[in-house]
C-alpha atoms as a PDB file:
ATOM      1  CA  MET A   1      -0.766 -51.584 -35.673  1.00  0.00           C
ATOM      2  CA  LYS A   2       0.020 -48.609 -36.594  1.00  0.00           C
ATOM      3  CA  VAL A   3      -0.159 -47.573 -40.756  1.00  0.00           C
ATOM      4  CA  LEU A   4       1.196 -44.882 -43.064  1.00  0.00           C
ATOM      5  CA  ILE A   5      -1.686 -43.790 -44.936  1.00  0.00           C
ATOM      6  CA  GLN A   6      -1.463 -40.921 -48.083  1.00  0.00           C
ATOM      7  CA  ILE A   7      -4.943 -39.646 -50.069  1.00  0.00           C
ATOM      8  CA  SER A   8      -4.275 -37.397 -53.233  1.00  0.00           C
ATOM      9  CA  TYR A   9      -7.309 -35.573 -53.684  1.00  0.00           C
ATOM     10  CA  ILE A  10      -8.795 -32.895 -56.307  1.00  0.00           C
ATOM     11  CA  SER A  11     -10.325 -29.738 -54.847  1.00  0.00           C
ATOM     12  CA  ARG A  12     -10.564 -26.347 -56.854  1.00  0.00           C
ATOM     13  CA  ASP A  13      -8.570 -27.587 -59.398  1.00  0.00           C
ATOM     14  CA  ASN A  14      -5.331 -28.177 -57.425  1.00  0.00           C
ATOM     15  CA  ASN A  15      -4.010 -31.745 -56.526  1.00  0.00           C
ATOM     16  CA  VAL A  16      -3.537 -32.342 -52.595  1.00  0.00           C
ATOM     17  CA  MET A  17      -1.293 -35.032 -50.865  1.00  0.00           C
ATOM     18  CA  ARG A  18      -1.676 -35.693 -47.411  1.00  0.00           C
ATOM     19  CA  ARG A  19      -0.653 -38.556 -45.407  1.00  0.00           C
ATOM     20  CA  GLY A  20      -0.003 -39.591 -41.623  1.00  0.00           C
ATOM     21  CA  SER A  21       0.526 -42.423 -39.260  1.00  0.00           C
ATOM     22  CA  PHE A  22      -2.537 -43.776 -38.267  1.00  0.00           C
ATOM     23  CA  GLN A  23      -3.116 -46.580 -35.404  1.00  0.00           C
ATOM     24  CA  LEU A  24      -6.456 -49.551 -36.827  1.00  0.00           C
ATOM     25  CA  ASN A  25      -7.764 -50.380 -33.473  1.00  0.00           C
ATOM     26  CA  GLY A  26      -8.988 -53.498 -34.963  1.00  0.00           C
ATOM     27  CA  ARG A  27     -10.601 -51.398 -38.196  1.00  0.00           C
ATOM     28  CA  THR A  28      -8.783 -52.511 -41.936  1.00  0.00           C
ATOM     29  CA  LYS A  29      -6.845 -50.555 -43.513  1.00  0.00           C
ATOM     30  CA  GLU A  30      -9.105 -49.234 -45.914  1.00  0.00           C
ATOM     31  CA  LYS A  31     -12.011 -48.415 -42.803  1.00  0.00           C
ATOM     32  CA  ALA A  32      -9.142 -46.081 -41.227  1.00  0.00           C
ATOM     33  CA  ALA A  33      -8.323 -44.236 -44.908  1.00  0.00           C
ATOM     34  CA  PHE A  34     -12.006 -43.893 -44.916  1.00  0.00           C
ATOM     35  CA  ASP A  35     -12.733 -42.181 -41.956  1.00  0.00           C
ATOM     36  CA  TRP A  36      -9.888 -40.118 -42.548  1.00  0.00           C
ATOM     37  CA  TRP A  37     -10.912 -39.477 -45.723  1.00  0.00           C
ATOM     38  CA  LYS A  38     -14.472 -37.975 -44.151  1.00  0.00           C
ATOM     39  CA  GLU A  39     -12.932 -35.718 -42.510  1.00  0.00           C
ATOM     40  CA  ILE A  40     -10.435 -34.668 -45.070  1.00  0.00           C
ATOM     41  CA  ARG A  41     -13.979 -34.015 -46.484  1.00  0.00           C
ATOM     42  CA  ARG A  42     -15.500 -32.162 -44.077  1.00  0.00           C
ATOM     43  CA  GLU A  43     -12.303 -29.474 -43.724  1.00  0.00           C
ATOM     44  CA  MET A  44     -13.029 -28.768 -47.867  1.00  0.00           C
ATOM     45  CA  PRO A  45     -15.725 -26.233 -48.166  1.00  0.00           C
ATOM     46  CA  PHE A  46     -15.562 -26.396 -52.092  1.00  0.00           C
ATOM     47  CA  GLY A  47     -15.206 -29.992 -52.212  1.00  0.00           C
ATOM     48  CA  ALA A  48     -13.390 -32.929 -53.081  1.00  0.00           C
ATOM     49  CA  ASP A  49     -12.902 -35.650 -55.423  1.00  0.00           C
ATOM     50  CA  LEU A  50     -10.819 -38.483 -54.223  1.00  0.00           C
ATOM     51  CA  ASP A  51      -7.522 -39.201 -56.697  1.00  0.00           C
ATOM     52  CA  GLN A  52      -5.877 -41.859 -54.883  1.00  0.00           C
ATOM     53  CA  VAL A  53      -5.505 -44.068 -51.739  1.00  0.00           C
ATOM     54  CA  LEU A  54      -1.510 -45.469 -50.474  1.00  0.00           C
ATOM     55  CA  VAL A  55      -1.740 -47.455 -47.216  1.00  0.00           C
ATOM     56  CA  ASP A  56       1.990 -48.734 -46.820  1.00  0.00           C
ATOM     57  CA  GLY A  57       2.676 -48.246 -50.168  1.00  0.00           C
ATOM     58  CA  GLU A  58      -0.386 -50.581 -51.642  1.00  0.00           C
ATOM     59  CA  ASP A  59      -2.676 -49.014 -53.435  1.00  0.00           C
ATOM     60  CA  ILE A  60      -6.744 -49.804 -51.569  1.00  0.00           C
ATOM     61  CA  THR A  61      -8.249 -46.276 -53.928  1.00  0.00           C
ATOM     62  CA  ASP A  62     -11.140 -48.817 -55.572  1.00  0.00           C
ATOM     63  CA  LEU A  63     -11.609 -50.208 -52.160  1.00  0.00           C
ATOM     64  CA  VAL A  64     -11.680 -47.278 -50.443  1.00  0.00           C
ATOM     65  CA  LYS A  65     -14.103 -45.920 -53.234  1.00  0.00           C
ATOM     66  CA  GLU A  66     -16.745 -48.957 -52.353  1.00  0.00           C
ATOM     67  CA  LEU A  67     -17.066 -47.692 -48.955  1.00  0.00           C
ATOM     68  CA  ASP A  68     -18.047 -44.512 -50.165  1.00  0.00           C
ATOM     69  CA  LEU A  69     -21.362 -45.550 -51.700  1.00  0.00           C
END
């Protein structure tokens, strides 16, 4: 099953939004979004703060933030 994930974050006082289509491959939508968020953070040399996560239009920001503890 494929889902559309949209992640909004703040990096160096800039609001950034990225989205993409991802295959779940047995993962939950929260885990798929969290895995992509980890990749995005690795790309950011100055760090990034998660603002919002949407999966197929559903806001799952709090669920993704819980995985980041």
